[in-house]
Protein backbone atom coordinates (compact mmCIF):
# COMPACT_ATOMS: atom_id res chain seq x y z
CA MET A 1 -25.82 -17.98 -44.84
CA ALA A 2 -28.02 -18.99 -47.80
CA GLN A 3 -25.22 -21.18 -49.14
CA ALA A 4 -24.68 -22.71 -45.69
CA LEU A 5 -28.39 -23.38 -45.42
CA ASP A 6 -28.36 -25.09 -48.82
CA ASP A 7 -25.36 -27.21 -47.82
CA ASP A 8 -26.98 -28.14 -44.50
CA ALA A 9 -30.28 -29.03 -46.18
CA LYS A 10 -28.51 -31.10 -48.82
CA ARG A 11 -26.47 -32.96 -46.21
CA LEU A 12 -29.68 -33.64 -44.28
CA ALA A 13 -31.28 -34.92 -47.48
CA GLU A 14 -28.32 -37.24 -48.00
CA LEU A 15 -29.10 -38.64 -44.54
CA GLY A 16 -32.72 -39.13 -45.63
CA TYR A 17 -34.61 -36.19 -44.16
CA ARG A 18 -36.40 -33.12 -45.45
CA GLN A 19 -35.72 -29.81 -43.69
CA ASP A 20 -38.87 -29.78 -41.53
CA LEU A 21 -37.46 -27.85 -38.55
CA ALA A 22 -36.56 -24.18 -38.94
CA ARG A 23 -32.75 -23.82 -39.33
CA THR A 24 -32.31 -20.52 -37.48
CA TRP A 25 -29.63 -21.31 -34.87
CA SER A 26 -26.06 -20.06 -35.00
CA GLY A 27 -23.05 -22.14 -33.96
CA PHE A 28 -22.92 -20.19 -30.70
CA SER A 29 -26.58 -21.01 -30.00
CA ASN A 30 -25.81 -24.68 -30.59
CA PHE A 31 -22.97 -24.51 -28.05
CA ALA A 32 -25.23 -22.53 -25.73
CA ILE A 33 -27.95 -25.17 -25.41
CA SER A 34 -25.52 -27.84 -24.17
CA PHE A 35 -23.70 -25.35 -21.96
CA SER A 36 -27.08 -24.38 -20.48
CA ILE A 37 -28.18 -27.98 -19.94
CA ILE A 38 -24.88 -28.86 -18.27
CA SER A 39 -25.50 -25.74 -16.12
CA ILE A 40 -22.98 -25.44 -13.32
CA LEU A 41 -25.60 -23.26 -11.61
CA ALA A 42 -27.86 -26.31 -11.49
CA GLY A 43 -25.89 -29.52 -10.95
CA CYS A 44 -23.18 -28.02 -8.72
CA PHE A 45 -25.88 -26.70 -6.40
CA THR A 46 -28.49 -29.47 -6.40
CA THR A 47 -26.21 -32.53 -6.09
CA PHE A 48 -23.41 -30.98 -4.00
CA GLY A 49 -24.68 -32.90 -0.96
CA GLN A 50 -24.25 -36.23 -2.75
CA ALA A 51 -20.50 -35.62 -3.00
CA TRP A 52 -20.23 -33.97 0.43
CA ASN A 53 -21.80 -36.97 2.17
CA ASN A 54 -20.04 -39.57 0.04
CA GLY A 55 -16.37 -38.64 0.23
CA GLY A 56 -16.46 -35.03 1.41
CA PRO A 57 -14.24 -32.29 -0.03
CA LEU A 58 -11.97 -34.88 -1.66
CA ALA A 59 -14.87 -36.15 -3.80
CA ILE A 60 -15.36 -32.58 -5.00
CA SER A 61 -11.90 -31.01 -5.32
CA VAL A 62 -10.25 -34.08 -6.87
CA GLY A 63 -13.30 -35.99 -8.08
CA TRP A 64 -14.62 -33.15 -10.24
CA PRO A 65 -11.55 -32.66 -12.50
CA LEU A 66 -10.90 -36.42 -12.64
CA ILE A 67 -14.40 -37.35 -13.79
CA SER A 68 -14.59 -34.25 -16.01
CA ALA A 69 -11.58 -35.51 -17.96
CA PHE A 70 -13.33 -38.82 -18.64
CA ILE A 71 -16.51 -37.01 -19.72
CA LEU A 72 -14.51 -34.78 -22.08
CA ILE A 73 -13.14 -37.90 -23.73
CA ILE A 74 -16.71 -39.16 -24.19
CA GLY A 75 -17.55 -35.75 -25.66
CA PHE A 76 -14.72 -35.99 -28.20
CA CYS A 77 -16.03 -39.36 -29.38
CA MET A 78 -19.55 -37.97 -29.75
CA ALA A 79 -18.32 -34.83 -31.51
CA GLU A 80 -16.84 -37.00 -34.25
CA LEU A 81 -20.18 -38.75 -34.65
CA VAL A 82 -22.31 -35.61 -34.81
CA SER A 83 -19.94 -34.18 -37.42
CA ALA A 84 -20.56 -37.23 -39.59
CA TYR A 85 -24.31 -37.44 -38.93
CA PRO A 86 -25.82 -34.03 -37.98
CA THR A 87 -29.44 -35.11 -37.40
CA ALA A 88 -32.02 -34.34 -34.70
CA GLY A 89 -32.16 -38.04 -33.78
CA GLY A 90 -28.52 -37.74 -32.83
CA ILE A 91 -27.38 -40.71 -30.76
CA TYR A 92 -30.18 -43.00 -31.94
CA TRP A 93 -29.48 -42.25 -35.59
CA TRP A 94 -25.76 -42.91 -35.16
CA ALA A 95 -26.42 -46.31 -33.58
CA ALA A 96 -28.86 -47.34 -36.31
CA LYS A 97 -26.49 -46.20 -39.04
CA LEU A 98 -23.39 -47.88 -37.60
CA GLY A 99 -25.18 -51.01 -36.39
CA LYS A 100 -28.57 -52.61 -36.89
CA PRO A 101 -32.13 -51.48 -36.17
CA ILE A 102 -31.96 -53.17 -32.75
CA HIS A 103 -29.04 -50.91 -31.77
CA GLY A 104 -31.01 -47.85 -32.80
CA TRP A 105 -34.07 -49.11 -30.95
CA PHE A 106 -32.32 -49.53 -27.58
CA THR A 107 -30.22 -46.38 -27.97
CA GLY A 108 -33.24 -44.27 -28.83
CA TRP A 109 -35.28 -45.43 -25.87
CA LEU A 110 -32.41 -45.06 -23.40
CA ASN A 111 -31.71 -41.58 -24.73
CA LEU A 112 -35.37 -40.58 -24.56
CA VAL A 113 -35.80 -41.89 -21.01
CA GLY A 114 -32.58 -40.13 -19.95
CA LEU A 115 -33.67 -36.81 -21.47
CA ILE A 116 -37.08 -36.95 -19.81
CA ALA A 117 -35.43 -37.79 -16.47
CA VAL A 118 -32.89 -34.98 -16.76
CA THR A 119 -35.72 -32.55 -17.55
CA ALA A 120 -37.57 -33.74 -14.45
CA SER A 121 -34.52 -33.55 -12.18
CA VAL A 122 -33.45 -30.10 -13.35
CA ASP A 123 -36.91 -28.59 -13.01
CA TYR A 124 -37.37 -30.22 -9.60
CA GLY A 125 -34.03 -28.80 -8.48
CA CYS A 126 -35.10 -25.38 -9.78
CA ALA A 127 -38.34 -25.69 -7.81
CA THR A 128 -36.39 -26.59 -4.66
CA PHE A 129 -34.29 -23.44 -4.87
CA LEU A 130 -37.27 -21.28 -5.87
CA ASN A 131 -39.07 -22.57 -2.78
CA ILE A 132 -36.12 -21.44 -0.67
CA VAL A 133 -36.04 -18.00 -2.30
CA ILE A 134 -39.77 -17.47 -1.71
CA GLY A 135 -39.38 -18.64 1.88
CA ARG A 136 -36.68 -16.04 2.50
CA PHE A 137 -39.22 -13.34 1.71
CA SER A 138 -42.26 -14.96 3.36
CA ASP A 139 -42.23 -16.52 6.83
CA GLY A 140 -45.64 -18.05 6.17
CA TRP A 141 -44.41 -19.80 3.06
CA ALA A 142 -41.24 -20.94 4.85
CA ALA A 143 -43.38 -22.62 7.52
CA GLY A 144 -45.38 -24.62 4.97
CA ASN A 145 -44.97 -28.19 3.75
CA ALA A 146 -41.74 -27.93 1.74
CA LEU A 147 -42.24 -31.15 -0.22
CA HIS A 148 -45.74 -30.21 -1.39
CA GLN A 149 -44.75 -26.62 -2.15
CA THR A 150 -41.72 -27.77 -4.14
CA PHE A 151 -43.78 -30.19 -6.20
CA LEU A 152 -46.35 -27.50 -6.97
CA LEU A 153 -43.58 -25.13 -8.12
CA PHE A 154 -42.07 -27.99 -10.11
CA ALA A 155 -45.34 -28.45 -12.00
CA ILE A 156 -45.62 -24.71 -12.66
CA ILE A 157 -42.04 -24.52 -13.96
CA LEU A 158 -42.66 -27.48 -16.29
CA VAL A 159 -45.73 -25.74 -17.71
CA LEU A 160 -43.79 -22.50 -18.23
CA HIS A 161 -40.98 -24.33 -20.02
CA ALA A 162 -43.48 -26.09 -22.26
CA LEU A 163 -45.16 -22.79 -23.16
CA ILE A 164 -41.85 -21.04 -23.88
CA ASN A 165 -40.78 -23.87 -26.16
CA ILE A 166 -44.13 -23.94 -27.96
CA TYR A 167 -44.70 -20.25 -28.58
CA SER A 168 -41.21 -18.78 -28.71
CA HIS A 169 -39.14 -20.84 -31.15
CA ARG A 170 -37.02 -17.89 -32.28
CA LEU A 171 -36.85 -16.54 -28.73
CA ILE A 172 -35.45 -19.90 -27.54
CA SER A 173 -32.29 -19.37 -29.58
CA LEU A 174 -31.86 -15.90 -28.07
CA LEU A 175 -32.52 -17.18 -24.55
CA GLN A 176 -29.89 -19.90 -25.00
CA ASN A 177 -27.35 -17.16 -25.72
CA VAL A 178 -28.53 -15.14 -22.71
CA SER A 179 -28.25 -18.29 -20.60
CA VAL A 180 -24.55 -18.66 -21.43
CA TRP A 181 -23.74 -15.20 -20.15
CA TRP A 182 -25.97 -15.65 -17.11
CA HIS A 183 -24.03 -18.79 -16.23
CA VAL A 184 -20.66 -17.12 -16.84
CA PHE A 185 -21.31 -13.87 -15.00
CA GLY A 186 -23.69 -15.42 -12.45
CA ALA A 187 -21.11 -18.00 -11.43
CA ALA A 188 -18.45 -15.27 -11.28
CA VAL A 189 -20.65 -13.21 -8.96
CA VAL A 190 -21.24 -16.22 -6.70
CA VAL A 191 -17.49 -16.89 -6.53
CA LEU A 192 -16.76 -13.25 -5.68
CA ILE A 193 -19.45 -13.28 -2.97
CA LEU A 194 -17.92 -16.40 -1.45
CA ILE A 195 -14.46 -14.83 -1.55
CA PHE A 196 -15.32 -11.48 0.00
CA GLY A 197 -18.53 -12.24 1.91
CA PRO A 198 -17.43 -14.71 4.63
CA SER A 199 -15.40 -13.51 7.59
CA LYS A 200 -13.09 -16.53 7.31
CA HIS A 201 -12.25 -19.39 4.96
CA GLN A 202 -10.97 -22.94 5.07
CA ASP A 203 -7.33 -23.57 4.27
CA ILE A 204 -6.10 -25.58 1.29
CA GLY A 205 -5.75 -28.72 3.40
CA PHE A 206 -9.53 -28.84 3.82
CA LEU A 207 -9.92 -29.59 0.10
CA PHE A 208 -8.50 -33.07 0.72
CA GLU A 209 -10.57 -33.90 3.82
CA ARG A 210 -12.64 -37.10 3.63
CA PHE A 211 -16.20 -37.43 5.01
CA ASN A 212 -18.45 -40.45 5.21
CA ASN A 213 -21.96 -39.33 6.04
CA SER A 214 -23.49 -41.98 3.79
CA GLY A 215 -24.52 -44.31 6.60
CA PHE A 216 -22.49 -47.12 5.04
CA GLY A 217 -19.96 -47.82 7.78
CA ASP A 218 -18.43 -45.11 9.91
CA SER A 219 -15.00 -44.81 8.34
CA SER A 220 -13.57 -42.45 5.75
CA SER A 221 -10.83 -44.91 4.89
CA GLY A 222 -10.60 -48.57 4.05
CA ALA A 223 -11.79 -50.54 1.04
CA SER A 224 -15.52 -49.85 1.49
CA PHE A 225 -14.94 -46.10 1.50
CA TRP A 226 -12.66 -46.02 -1.54
CA LEU A 227 -14.55 -48.62 -3.58
CA TYR A 228 -18.17 -47.82 -2.68
CA VAL A 229 -18.80 -44.60 -0.79
CA LEU A 230 -16.43 -42.28 -2.66
CA PRO A 231 -17.58 -43.36 -6.15
CA LEU A 232 -21.18 -42.58 -5.13
CA GLY A 233 -19.98 -39.02 -4.59
CA PHE A 234 -18.91 -38.82 -8.22
CA LEU A 235 -22.60 -38.58 -9.16
CA LEU A 236 -22.18 -34.82 -8.65
CA THR A 237 -19.85 -34.52 -11.63
CA GLN A 238 -21.39 -37.21 -13.80
CA TYR A 239 -24.86 -35.67 -13.43
CA THR A 240 -23.84 -32.04 -13.80
CA ILE A 241 -21.87 -32.61 -17.00
CA THR A 242 -24.50 -34.39 -19.03
CA GLY A 243 -27.09 -33.48 -21.63
CA PHE A 244 -24.42 -32.30 -24.05
CA ASP A 245 -26.04 -34.48 -26.71
CA ALA A 246 -28.36 -31.49 -27.13
CA CYS A 247 -25.89 -30.17 -29.71
CA ALA A 248 -26.85 -33.15 -31.87
CA HIS A 249 -30.58 -32.88 -31.23
CA VAL A 250 -30.71 -29.29 -32.48
CA SER A 251 -28.23 -29.86 -35.32
CA GLU A 252 -31.05 -29.77 -37.88
CA GLU A 253 -31.76 -26.24 -36.67
CA THR A 254 -28.11 -25.10 -36.74
CA HIS A 255 -26.15 -23.46 -39.57
CA GLY A 256 -22.97 -25.34 -40.55
CA ALA A 257 -23.97 -28.18 -38.23
CA ALA A 258 -21.28 -30.65 -39.32
CA ARG A 259 -18.64 -28.38 -37.79
CA SER A 260 -20.46 -26.14 -35.32
CA ALA A 261 -22.38 -28.93 -33.55
CA ALA A 262 -19.16 -30.94 -33.08
CA LYS A 263 -17.30 -27.95 -31.67
CA GLY A 264 -20.25 -26.92 -29.52
CA LEU A 265 -20.46 -30.38 -27.97
CA TRP A 266 -16.90 -30.75 -26.69
CA GLN A 267 -16.48 -27.05 -25.87
CA SER A 268 -19.60 -27.06 -23.70
CA ILE A 269 -18.03 -29.84 -21.62
CA PHE A 270 -14.60 -28.21 -21.44
CA TYR A 271 -15.74 -24.76 -20.33
CA SER A 272 -18.32 -26.16 -17.91
CA ALA A 273 -15.66 -28.35 -16.31
CA ILE A 274 -13.38 -25.37 -15.67
CA GLY A 275 -16.15 -23.07 -14.47
CA GLY A 276 -17.72 -25.74 -12.30
CA TRP A 277 -14.43 -26.56 -10.58
CA ILE A 278 -13.81 -22.91 -9.71
CA LEU A 279 -17.35 -22.62 -8.36
CA LEU A 280 -17.09 -25.78 -6.26
CA LEU A 281 -13.72 -24.75 -4.81
CA ALA A 282 -15.34 -21.47 -3.75
CA PHE A 283 -18.06 -23.52 -1.99
CA LEU A 284 -15.45 -25.57 -0.12
CA PHE A 285 -13.33 -22.61 0.99
CA ALA A 286 -16.49 -20.96 2.38
CA ALA A 287 -17.66 -24.14 4.14
CA THR A 288 -16.30 -23.18 7.56
CA ASP A 289 -19.27 -24.43 9.60
CA VAL A 290 -19.03 -28.15 8.84
CA ASP A 291 -21.48 -29.10 11.58
CA ALA A 292 -24.19 -26.83 10.16
CA ILE A 293 -23.72 -28.33 6.69
CA ASN A 294 -23.84 -31.87 8.06
CA LYS A 295 -27.10 -31.07 9.91
CA GLU A 296 -28.57 -30.09 6.55
CA PHE A 297 -27.45 -33.45 5.06
CA GLY A 298 -24.76 -31.72 3.00
CA PHE A 299 -27.17 -29.26 1.40
CA VAL A 300 -25.13 -26.54 -0.29
CA GLY A 301 -27.47 -23.84 0.97
CA ALA A 302 -26.13 -24.39 4.48
CA ILE A 303 -22.80 -23.01 3.28
CA PHE A 304 -24.43 -19.77 2.18
CA THR A 305 -26.63 -19.30 5.24
CA SER A 306 -23.78 -20.05 7.67
CA ALA A 307 -21.01 -18.08 5.91
CA LEU A 308 -22.88 -15.10 4.41
CA SER A 309 -25.21 -12.36 5.51
CA SER A 310 -28.87 -12.98 4.75
CA PRO A 311 -29.01 -10.59 1.73
CA LEU A 312 -25.91 -12.09 0.14
CA ALA A 313 -27.20 -15.63 0.68
CA THR A 314 -30.48 -14.64 -0.99
CA VAL A 315 -28.57 -13.27 -3.99
CA VAL A 316 -26.70 -16.57 -4.38
CA PHE A 317 -29.93 -18.59 -4.16
CA GLY A 318 -31.54 -16.26 -6.71
CA ILE A 319 -28.67 -16.50 -9.21
CA SER A 320 -28.75 -20.29 -9.05
CA THR A 321 -32.55 -20.46 -9.38
CA ILE A 322 -32.56 -18.36 -12.56
CA GLY A 323 -29.68 -20.41 -13.99
CA GLN A 324 -31.60 -23.61 -13.27
CA PHE A 325 -34.68 -22.15 -14.97
CA PHE A 326 -32.63 -21.54 -18.12
CA CYS A 327 -31.24 -25.06 -17.84
CA GLY A 328 -34.68 -26.66 -17.61
CA MET A 329 -35.89 -24.64 -20.59
CA SER A 330 -33.00 -26.03 -22.66
CA CYS A 331 -33.70 -29.57 -21.42
CA VAL A 332 -37.27 -29.38 -22.72
CA THR A 333 -35.96 -28.21 -26.12
CA SER A 334 -33.52 -31.14 -26.38
CA MET A 335 -35.99 -33.71 -25.06
CA SER A 336 -38.73 -32.62 -27.47
CA ARG A 337 -36.40 -32.78 -30.49
CA MET A 338 -35.38 -36.31 -29.59
CA THR A 339 -39.03 -37.29 -29.14
CA TYR A 340 -39.87 -35.73 -32.51
CA ALA A 341 -36.97 -37.43 -34.31
CA PHE A 342 -37.56 -40.87 -32.78
CA SER A 343 -41.28 -40.59 -33.53
CA ARG A 344 -40.53 -39.49 -37.08
CA ASP A 345 -39.06 -42.94 -37.58
CA GLY A 346 -42.11 -44.67 -36.08
CA ALA A 347 -40.53 -45.89 -32.83
CA VAL A 348 -42.79 -44.17 -30.27
CA PRO A 349 -46.43 -45.25 -29.73
CA GLY A 350 -48.66 -42.66 -31.35
CA TRP A 351 -45.70 -41.55 -33.47
CA ARG A 352 -47.89 -39.62 -35.92
CA LEU A 353 -48.97 -37.35 -33.06
CA TRP A 354 -45.48 -36.77 -31.63
CA SER A 355 -43.83 -36.20 -35.02
CA LYS A 356 -46.19 -33.41 -36.05
CA VAL A 357 -44.88 -29.85 -36.31
CA ASP A 358 -47.10 -26.78 -36.21
CA ARG A 359 -47.15 -23.85 -38.61
CA ASN A 360 -44.01 -22.48 -36.92
CA ARG A 361 -42.32 -25.85 -37.49
CA THR A 362 -42.24 -26.60 -33.78
CA PRO A 363 -42.96 -30.14 -32.41
CA VAL A 364 -45.70 -29.02 -30.01
CA ASN A 365 -47.08 -32.46 -29.14
CA ALA A 366 -43.60 -33.80 -28.41
CA ILE A 367 -43.05 -30.92 -25.99
CA LEU A 368 -46.33 -31.51 -24.15
CA GLY A 369 -45.97 -35.29 -24.00
CA GLY A 370 -42.40 -35.21 -22.69
CA CYS A 371 -43.24 -32.68 -19.96
CA ALA A 372 -46.24 -34.76 -18.85
CA VAL A 373 -44.08 -37.89 -18.45
CA ALA A 374 -41.44 -35.86 -16.56
CA LEU A 375 -44.13 -34.84 -14.09
CA LEU A 376 -45.34 -38.40 -13.62
CA ILE A 377 -41.95 -39.99 -12.90
CA THR A 378 -41.28 -37.39 -10.20
CA LEU A 379 -44.46 -38.10 -8.20
CA PRO A 380 -42.52 -40.16 -5.59
CA ALA A 381 -40.73 -36.90 -4.66
CA LEU A 382 -43.88 -35.98 -2.71
CA TYR A 383 -42.45 -38.23 0.00
CA ALA A 384 -39.11 -38.17 1.83
CA PRO A 385 -37.43 -40.55 4.29
CA PRO A 386 -38.05 -39.78 7.98
CA GLY A 387 -35.72 -37.05 9.23
CA SER A 388 -34.69 -35.95 5.73
CA ALA A 389 -35.82 -32.94 3.75
CA THR A 390 -34.52 -34.35 0.46
CA PRO A 391 -36.58 -37.08 -1.22
CA VAL A 392 -34.47 -40.03 -2.33
CA ALA A 393 -36.72 -39.95 -5.40
CA PHE A 394 -34.84 -36.85 -6.56
CA LEU A 395 -31.49 -38.66 -6.49
CA ALA A 396 -33.16 -41.67 -8.14
CA VAL A 397 -34.37 -39.49 -11.01
CA VAL A 398 -30.84 -38.07 -11.23
CA SER A 399 -29.45 -41.61 -11.47
CA ILE A 400 -31.99 -42.51 -14.16
CA ALA A 401 -30.91 -39.46 -16.14
CA VAL A 402 -27.21 -40.28 -15.85
CA ILE A 403 -27.50 -44.00 -16.62
CA GLY A 404 -30.04 -43.59 -19.41
CA LEU A 405 -28.06 -40.90 -21.20
CA TYR A 406 -24.62 -42.42 -20.78
CA LEU A 407 -25.74 -45.90 -21.86
CA ALA A 408 -27.23 -44.26 -24.92
CA PHE A 409 -23.84 -42.63 -25.54
CA LEU A 410 -22.02 -45.95 -25.06
CA ILE A 411 -23.78 -47.87 -27.84
CA PRO A 412 -22.83 -45.65 -30.83
CA ILE A 413 -19.31 -45.10 -29.45
CA TRP A 414 -18.82 -48.87 -29.27
CA LEU A 415 -20.31 -49.30 -32.75
CA ARG A 416 -17.92 -46.65 -34.08
CA LEU A 417 -15.04 -48.65 -32.58
CA ARG A 418 -16.34 -51.76 -34.27
CA ALA A 419 -16.69 -49.95 -37.62
CA GLY A 420 -12.99 -49.08 -37.65
CA ASP A 421 -11.72 -47.66 -40.92
CA SER A 422 -15.05 -48.24 -42.66
CA PHE A 423 -16.47 -45.25 -40.74
CA GLN A 424 -16.71 -42.16 -42.94
CA PRO A 425 -15.97 -39.13 -40.72
CA GLY A 426 -17.28 -35.63 -41.19
CA PRO A 427 -15.12 -32.49 -41.23
CA TRP A 428 -14.40 -32.84 -37.45
CA THR A 429 -12.59 -36.12 -36.76
CA LEU A 430 -10.41 -37.82 -34.13
CA GLY A 431 -8.23 -39.53 -36.69
CA ARG A 432 -6.38 -42.56 -35.31
CA LYS A 433 -6.98 -41.45 -31.71
CA TYR A 434 -10.56 -42.76 -31.91
CA LYS A 435 -9.47 -46.21 -30.69
CA VAL A 436 -7.94 -45.31 -27.35
CA LEU A 437 -10.50 -42.57 -26.64
CA GLY A 438 -13.37 -44.86 -27.58
CA TRP A 439 -12.30 -47.66 -25.27
CA ILE A 440 -11.75 -45.26 -22.36
CA SER A 441 -15.29 -43.95 -22.92
CA VAL A 442 -16.87 -47.41 -23.05
CA ILE A 443 -15.17 -48.59 -19.85
CA GLU A 444 -15.97 -45.40 -17.91
CA ILE A 445 -19.65 -45.52 -18.83
CA ALA A 446 -19.92 -49.21 -17.93
CA VAL A 447 -18.40 -48.58 -14.48
CA ILE A 448 -20.55 -45.57 -13.54
CA SER A 449 -23.71 -47.30 -14.75
CA ILE A 450 -23.13 -50.05 -12.20
CA TYR A 451 -22.46 -47.67 -9.32
CA PHE A 452 -25.50 -45.48 -9.87
CA ILE A 453 -28.01 -48.31 -9.60
CA LEU A 454 -26.68 -49.26 -6.15
CA PRO A 455 -28.43 -48.20 -2.91
CA ILE A 456 -27.84 -44.56 -1.96
CA ALA A 457 -28.70 -45.05 1.74
CA PRO A 458 -28.57 -48.08 4.09
CA ALA A 459 -32.34 -47.83 4.62
CA GLY A 460 -32.73 -48.50 0.92
CA VAL A 461 -31.02 -51.92 1.18
CA PRO A 462 -33.56 -54.78 1.33
CA GLY A 463 -33.22 -56.60 4.62
CA ASP A 464 -31.81 -53.63 6.53
CA LYS A 465 -33.45 -53.18 9.93
CA ASP A 466 -34.44 -49.63 8.99
CA PHE A 467 -35.55 -50.48 5.45
CA ALA A 468 -38.09 -48.04 4.01
CA TRP A 469 -39.43 -47.79 0.48
CA THR A 470 -39.00 -44.01 0.61
CA SER A 471 -35.23 -44.62 0.86
CA VAL A 472 -35.00 -47.00 -2.08
CA ASN A 473 -33.02 -45.92 -5.13
CA TYR A 474 -35.68 -46.84 -7.66
CA ALA A 475 -33.37 -46.08 -10.62
CA PRO A 476 -32.62 -49.80 -11.24
CA LEU A 477 -36.33 -50.63 -10.91
CA ALA A 478 -37.38 -47.93 -13.35
CA LEU A 479 -34.58 -48.55 -15.83
CA GLY A 480 -34.95 -52.31 -15.46
CA ALA A 481 -38.65 -52.05 -16.25
CA VAL A 482 -37.88 -49.86 -19.27
CA LEU A 483 -35.18 -52.22 -20.57
CA ILE A 484 -37.35 -55.31 -20.08
CA GLY A 485 -40.29 -53.53 -21.69
CA ILE A 486 -38.42 -52.37 -24.78
CA ALA A 487 -36.67 -55.75 -25.09
CA LEU A 488 -40.00 -57.59 -25.03
CA TRP A 489 -41.53 -55.05 -27.36
CA TRP A 490 -38.65 -55.54 -29.77
CA GLN A 491 -38.82 -59.33 -29.62
CA LEU A 492 -42.60 -59.64 -29.88
CA SER A 493 -43.34 -56.85 -32.32
CA ALA A 494 -40.89 -54.09 -33.23
CA LYS A 495 -38.31 -56.31 -34.94
CA HIS A 496 -40.91 -57.09 -37.58
CA TRP A 497 -41.59 -53.46 -38.53
CA PHE A 498 -38.91 -51.16 -37.09
CA THR A 499 -36.21 -50.71 -39.71
CA GLY A 500 -34.40 -47.72 -38.22
CA PRO A 501 -34.36 -44.23 -39.72
CA ARG A 502 -36.99 -43.62 -42.39
CA ARG A 503 -36.42 -41.40 -45.39
CA THR A 504 -38.69 -38.36 -45.57
CA VAL A 505 -37.10 -37.02 -48.76
CA ASP A 506 -36.87 -38.82 -52.07
CA ASP A 507 -35.21 -36.24 -54.32
CA ILE A 508 -32.03 -34.59 -53.05
CA ASP A 509 -32.70 -31.62 -55.32
CA ASP A 510 -36.04 -30.99 -53.61
CA VAL A 511 -34.90 -30.06 -50.12
CA ASP A 512 -35.87 -26.42 -49.76
CA GLN A 513 -39.60 -26.85 -49.21
CA PRO A 514 -40.78 -27.96 -45.77
CA LYS A 515 -43.12 -30.91 -45.57
CA PRO A 516 -46.75 -29.71 -45.29
CA VAL A 517 -48.06 -29.66 -41.73
CA ALA A 518 -50.57 -32.42 -41.09
């Protein structure tokens, strides 16, 4: 381990950085953080309704494996990059190294915005399910204002995740490992409950049924369904299987990162895709009361309450809530490391504050700042469209997370394509297959980024007779403002002083001592 640590520290020094963060994570822990952030106990539960209403069972049974295959290809491309450049900055560092400072600038900000949004969306989803669990034990709580209660729980969960990340650095690695087994065995328990709990099940033909509860037209066939409604349902898969860049963000804390981070990245996608598909098929086979689910706007909980006894439904809600809590904890870890790394290179306002580490070598300020922003961008979730219990703001934050992260993935993948044979791979490489896999990744990301800024509901379309601001998908507004802001910032100021990654180590032989804490 000492030799591995020396090799890791020396490789990090070659990339320009001193070993500031504590390198205490195993390869399994590195895999575990991405597996936990992907979290089939989170995304499969919280965005199930998006696929149910926009395509129905077909969007889930066929859409999940189809989109998962594309995401795995993206993961392979990123695994090659993290093997070559195992740094906490991850995606941003790759873009700056393979391109110019401007590429690193845009990639870093898109990645940071995406990570903050995914933290917000996961913790809000966790709060939603925790609110349900509490309500199943307290009639008084169940009769309260669900939106306000959920937001309060959301704030509490964010605070808990911040505290865990600040005070339990070594415990975080252990909890990531626990999270893997909770997701594996928890999902298995849910599947078994859905097999043996209901009195009846759907037949295989139901898996290919098509629903259009989107409000856009009234048909589950025709061009508008196949080209607009159904692709909106793919947000379930694209959102669930994201955040796997965490393997890169904690690579400076991982032993043997050039190999273990690359393997952890693509394996977290592969195993999540298989487990998630099994879980979702169990949902569909148990979805015998379609009317009840439609009345709940496709909310997955309606499957459990209509098909299971009350105690079994409570167990399922509880398993998912705990899994989502683990997921949010991992999101805060990844988000704070990206904030720290990007600040270390002077890109974030107040960078000296956000790039500090405490005596335990933990980026405390980055943790607190990221969680505060996550809370702020979710404030619109205090309001929901008339007749709906789900705030469109939640799906907007989900879209921000997906688009921000995947656009950040696109830039270094495209730059790697452009680099061609001049790229110097690490020990894990795609070889000549990088060309076809890279172009598939670039095209897929470009397509989904267009779809997920489109209106989610007719009432969110300007000019619609029922137009309401609470129904607007504000993802394009938020991301547009961010892109315009960072573009203007670059043009007016940053291009004169931002040079990309900064070296924090001058002598490669002097890599064992951490930089003194400011």
